[in-house]
């Protein structure tokens, strides 16, 4: 089973790292030609530098906001499972719904989490949520109090479904491929700019180049990491689902699958 994070990071290293190494090798062996107006040449690239920095910042902030939203929805989904289990204890003849809820919580832990490493959702959890809805349709409240509980229960189930949809949409490709293409193209322009503004002293040039290349590659790596919120160095804590499975099983009075 492939890991979406390592696939993405490998592509970043190939697209950015190899051209950077090639540039450093060529720049080391070829002397820089004299530049008549170095300050003016550098000034001509200031606008590009500013725009590229703003572009990277916007992509990073957008993905951070998206990351926090997905994390909130993940926590909300687990909370809705526990709330639904409590409400089911107030209904008569809800054994089928209780079992279906435990089955869904178990399917998320067992199948959804590994599938999210690939940016996908598991068919087992999809079948489990369908089964949970089918059991919810079969509930027959007999009193006003049970009708109120059933309404609240259906609201929790709707929240679970909405949060699940968020997980499915945001598990991968939060950054449009065209935007990532522009980021890579901008980095290539940075290489060209650095080549055109080289100075004769190689040590001075390396002191300028290496930190800049490293910083830009690190920022792009973080952007690509945030693009896969459920896997990677920075990832969403999915231990909420373990807690939800434990509590749902306890409240339903069923053994944990």
Protein backbone atom coordinates (compact mmCIF):
# COMPACT_ATOMS: atom_id res chain seq x y z
CA UNK A 1 0.00 0.00 0.00
CA UNK A 2 1.57 3.30 -1.09
CA UNK A 3 1.84 6.30 1.19
CA UNK A 4 0.55 9.52 -0.34
CA UNK A 5 2.98 11.65 1.69
CA UNK A 6 6.13 9.87 0.54
CA UNK A 7 4.90 9.84 -3.05
CA UNK A 8 4.33 13.61 -2.94
CA UNK A 9 7.60 14.38 -1.16
CA UNK A 10 9.59 12.22 -3.59
CA UNK A 11 8.13 14.16 -6.51
CA UNK A 12 9.05 17.45 -4.80
CA UNK A 13 12.63 16.33 -4.23
CA UNK A 14 12.95 15.19 -7.84
CA UNK A 15 11.41 18.33 -9.31
CA UNK A 16 13.35 20.76 -7.11
CA UNK A 17 16.38 18.92 -5.78
CA UNK A 18 17.81 17.60 -9.04
CA UNK A 19 17.75 20.97 -10.88
CA UNK A 20 19.30 22.61 -7.80
CA UNK A 21 22.15 20.08 -7.71
CA UNK A 22 22.66 20.49 -11.45
CA UNK A 23 22.81 24.27 -11.02
CA UNK A 24 25.36 24.04 -8.19
CA UNK A 25 27.58 21.71 -10.21
CA UNK A 26 27.48 23.91 -13.32
CA UNK A 27 27.96 27.09 -11.30
CA UNK A 28 30.99 25.58 -9.55
CA UNK A 29 32.77 24.61 -12.76
CA UNK A 30 31.88 27.68 -14.81
CA UNK A 31 33.19 31.07 -13.82
CA UNK A 32 30.69 33.87 -13.57
CA UNK A 33 30.97 36.45 -16.35
CA UNK A 34 31.53 40.05 -15.28
CA UNK A 35 28.28 41.94 -14.74
CA UNK A 36 28.40 45.61 -15.65
CA UNK A 37 25.36 46.72 -13.66
CA UNK A 38 24.88 44.12 -10.94
CA UNK A 39 22.70 46.27 -8.70
CA UNK A 40 20.35 47.12 -11.56
CA UNK A 41 20.20 43.47 -12.63
CA UNK A 42 19.27 42.38 -9.12
CA UNK A 43 16.71 45.17 -8.81
CA UNK A 44 14.97 43.91 -11.93
CA UNK A 45 14.12 40.70 -10.08
CA UNK A 46 12.77 42.38 -6.93
CA UNK A 47 9.21 42.38 -8.21
CA UNK A 48 9.38 38.68 -8.98
CA UNK A 49 10.89 37.95 -5.55
CA UNK A 50 8.07 39.81 -3.82
CA UNK A 51 5.33 38.17 -5.87
CA UNK A 52 6.80 34.70 -5.39
CA UNK A 53 7.10 35.22 -1.63
CA UNK A 54 3.48 36.38 -1.44
CA UNK A 55 2.38 33.42 -3.55
CA UNK A 56 4.15 30.92 -1.30
CA UNK A 57 2.75 32.62 1.80
CA UNK A 58 -0.81 32.50 0.46
CA UNK A 59 -0.50 28.80 -0.39
CA UNK A 60 0.93 28.04 3.06
CA UNK A 61 -1.75 30.01 4.94
CA UNK A 62 -4.55 28.50 2.85
CA UNK A 63 -3.37 24.97 3.58
CA UNK A 64 -2.93 25.74 7.30
CA UNK A 65 -6.53 26.97 7.51
CA UNK A 66 -7.67 23.89 5.60
CA UNK A 67 -5.63 21.66 7.95
CA UNK A 68 -7.27 23.18 11.04
CA UNK A 69 -10.75 22.83 9.52
CA UNK A 70 -10.21 19.14 8.73
CA UNK A 71 -8.87 18.55 12.24
CA UNK A 72 -11.95 20.21 13.75
CA UNK A 73 -14.26 18.09 11.60
CA UNK A 74 -12.38 14.93 12.57
CA UNK A 75 -12.85 15.73 16.24
CA UNK A 76 -16.50 16.65 15.65
CA UNK A 77 -17.16 13.33 13.92
CA UNK A 78 -15.83 11.34 16.88
CA UNK A 79 -17.82 13.48 19.32
CA UNK A 80 -20.98 12.91 17.28
CA UNK A 81 -20.43 9.14 17.47
CA UNK A 82 -20.25 9.25 21.27
CA UNK A 83 -23.27 11.57 21.49
CA UNK A 84 -25.26 9.25 19.24
CA UNK A 85 -24.37 6.26 21.43
CA UNK A 86 -25.69 8.09 24.50
CA UNK A 87 -28.93 9.00 22.74
CA UNK A 88 -29.48 5.41 21.61
CA UNK A 89 -29.54 4.33 25.26
CA UNK A 90 -32.71 6.36 25.69
CA UNK A 91 -34.60 4.54 22.91
CA UNK A 92 -36.43 1.24 22.96
CA UNK A 93 -35.49 -1.56 20.56
CA UNK A 94 -32.32 0.22 19.39
CA UNK A 95 -30.02 -2.81 19.54
CA UNK A 96 -29.59 -2.91 15.76
CA UNK A 97 -28.64 0.77 15.62
CA UNK A 98 -26.19 0.34 18.51
CA UNK A 99 -24.45 -2.53 16.76
CA UNK A 100 -24.37 -0.60 13.48
CA UNK A 101 -22.77 2.38 15.25
CA UNK A 102 -20.10 0.18 16.83
CA UNK A 103 -19.46 -1.44 13.43
CA UNK A 104 -19.02 1.98 11.82
CA UNK A 105 -16.62 3.19 14.52
CA UNK A 106 -14.61 -0.02 14.12
CA UNK A 107 -14.57 0.35 10.31
CA UNK A 108 -13.18 3.89 10.60
CA UNK A 109 -10.36 2.71 12.85
CA UNK A 110 -9.55 -0.47 10.94
CA UNK A 111 -10.09 0.53 7.33
CA UNK A 112 -10.51 4.28 6.91
CA UNK A 113 -7.29 5.31 8.62
CA UNK A 114 -5.03 3.11 6.45
CA UNK A 115 -6.97 4.20 3.36
CA UNK A 116 -6.49 7.87 4.23
CA UNK A 117 -2.73 7.34 3.96
CA UNK A 118 -3.44 6.99 0.24
CA UNK A 119 -5.85 9.92 0.21
CA UNK A 120 -8.88 7.64 -0.11
CA UNK A 121 -11.82 6.31 1.91
CA UNK A 122 -12.41 2.63 2.53
CA UNK A 123 -15.40 0.79 1.00
CA UNK A 124 -15.88 -1.03 4.32
CA UNK A 125 -16.55 2.23 6.18
CA UNK A 126 -18.83 3.39 3.37
CA UNK A 127 -20.89 0.23 3.74
CA UNK A 128 -20.91 0.68 7.52
CA UNK A 129 -22.29 4.24 7.35
CA UNK A 130 -24.99 3.06 4.94
CA UNK A 131 -25.90 0.30 7.38
CA UNK A 132 -26.04 2.82 10.22
CA UNK A 133 -28.47 5.01 8.27
CA UNK A 134 -30.63 1.99 7.48
CA UNK A 135 -30.84 1.11 11.17
CA UNK A 136 -31.66 4.71 12.05
CA UNK A 137 -34.61 4.62 9.63
CA UNK A 138 -35.97 1.60 11.53
CA UNK A 139 -36.16 3.37 14.88
CA UNK A 140 -39.73 3.66 16.15
CA UNK A 141 -40.06 6.25 18.95
CA UNK A 142 -43.09 5.58 21.15
CA UNK A 143 -43.17 8.74 23.28
CA UNK A 144 -42.60 12.46 22.84
CA UNK A 145 -39.34 12.17 24.71
CA UNK A 146 -38.15 9.43 22.39
CA UNK A 147 -39.16 11.50 19.37
CA UNK A 148 -36.95 14.33 20.65
CA UNK A 149 -34.10 11.90 21.21
CA UNK A 150 -34.54 10.50 17.71
CA UNK A 151 -34.35 13.99 16.20
CA UNK A 152 -31.14 14.71 18.09
CA UNK A 153 -29.78 11.32 17.06
CA UNK A 154 -30.45 12.00 13.39
CA UNK A 155 -28.72 15.37 13.72
CA UNK A 156 -25.64 13.61 15.10
CA UNK A 157 -25.78 11.10 12.27
CA UNK A 158 -26.03 13.94 9.75
CA UNK A 159 -22.98 15.57 11.36
CA UNK A 160 -21.07 12.29 11.08
CA UNK A 161 -21.95 12.10 7.39
CA UNK A 162 -20.93 15.73 6.75
CA UNK A 163 -17.61 15.30 8.55
CA UNK A 164 -17.01 12.10 6.65
CA UNK A 165 -17.57 14.00 3.40
CA UNK A 166 -14.99 16.55 4.52
CA UNK A 167 -12.48 13.78 5.16
CA UNK A 168 -13.13 12.32 1.72
CA UNK A 169 -12.69 15.65 -0.05
CA UNK A 170 -9.71 16.89 1.96
CA UNK A 171 -7.75 13.63 2.23
CA UNK A 172 -5.71 14.67 -0.82
CA UNK A 173 -5.31 17.28 -3.54
CA UNK A 174 -6.09 20.33 -1.39
CA UNK A 175 -3.61 22.23 -3.52
CA UNK A 176 -4.69 22.52 -7.14
CA UNK A 177 -2.12 20.93 -9.50
CA UNK A 178 -1.88 24.19 -11.45
CA UNK A 179 -0.87 26.07 -8.29
CA UNK A 180 1.78 23.48 -7.50
CA UNK A 181 2.99 23.78 -11.10
CA UNK A 182 3.31 27.55 -10.68
CA UNK A 183 5.28 27.05 -7.46
CA UNK A 184 7.72 24.73 -9.23
CA UNK A 185 7.97 27.05 -12.24
CA UNK A 186 8.67 29.96 -9.90
CA UNK A 187 11.49 28.01 -8.31
CA UNK A 188 13.03 27.40 -11.73
CA UNK A 189 12.87 31.14 -12.38
CA UNK A 190 14.70 31.63 -9.07
CA UNK A 191 17.47 29.35 -10.35
CA UNK A 192 17.71 31.34 -13.59
CA UNK A 193 17.74 34.62 -11.67
CA UNK A 194 20.51 33.39 -9.40
CA UNK A 195 22.53 32.29 -12.44
CA UNK A 196 22.17 35.69 -14.09
CA UNK A 197 23.24 37.55 -10.94
CA UNK A 198 26.30 35.45 -10.02
CA UNK A 199 29.39 37.15 -8.69
CA UNK A 200 33.01 36.20 -9.23
CA UNK A 201 33.67 35.05 -5.66
CA UNK A 202 32.39 31.46 -5.40
CA UNK A 203 32.35 31.42 -1.58
CA UNK A 204 30.28 34.57 -1.44
CA UNK A 205 27.94 33.12 -4.02
CA UNK A 206 27.50 29.86 -2.08
CA UNK A 207 26.81 31.74 1.16
CA UNK A 208 24.02 33.52 -0.69
CA UNK A 209 22.68 30.57 -2.67
CA UNK A 210 22.58 27.61 -0.29
CA UNK A 211 20.44 29.18 2.50
CA UNK A 212 18.05 30.60 -0.09
CA UNK A 213 17.62 27.28 -1.91
CA UNK A 214 17.26 25.37 1.37
CA UNK A 215 14.65 27.79 2.72
CA UNK A 216 12.53 27.76 -0.42
CA UNK A 217 12.67 23.96 -0.71
CA UNK A 218 11.70 23.60 2.97
CA UNK A 219 8.73 25.93 2.54
CA UNK A 220 7.56 24.02 -0.54
CA UNK A 221 8.05 20.74 1.36
CA UNK A 222 5.84 22.01 4.20
CA UNK A 223 3.23 23.10 1.65
CA UNK A 224 3.23 19.64 0.09
CA UNK A 225 3.09 18.05 3.56
CA UNK A 226 0.02 20.09 4.51
CA UNK A 227 -1.51 19.05 1.20
CA UNK A 228 -1.82 15.52 2.66
CA UNK A 229 -3.34 16.28 6.09
CA UNK A 230 -3.74 12.69 7.32
CA UNK A 231 -0.17 11.55 6.62
CA UNK A 232 3.26 13.10 6.73
CA UNK A 233 5.42 14.95 9.24
CA UNK A 234 2.56 17.30 10.11
CA UNK A 235 -0.61 15.24 10.26
CA UNK A 236 -4.02 15.26 11.88
CA UNK A 237 -4.40 13.34 15.12
CA UNK A 238 -6.84 10.50 14.41
CA UNK A 239 -6.68 9.03 17.92
CA UNK A 240 -10.12 10.62 18.40
CA UNK A 241 -11.51 7.64 16.51
CA UNK A 242 -9.89 5.18 18.94
CA UNK A 243 -11.53 7.02 21.82
CA UNK A 244 -14.87 7.08 19.98
CA UNK A 245 -14.74 3.32 19.34
CA UNK A 246 -13.93 2.65 23.00
CA UNK A 247 -16.75 4.86 24.32
CA UNK A 248 -19.32 3.73 21.75
CA UNK A 249 -18.66 0.09 22.61
CA UNK A 250 -18.96 0.80 26.33
CA UNK A 251 -22.17 2.80 25.99
CA UNK A 252 -23.73 0.20 23.70
CA UNK A 253 -22.81 -2.58 26.11
CA UNK A 254 -21.09 -4.48 23.32
CA UNK A 255 -17.57 -5.93 23.20
CA UNK A 256 -15.07 -3.83 21.29
CA UNK A 257 -14.56 -5.39 17.84
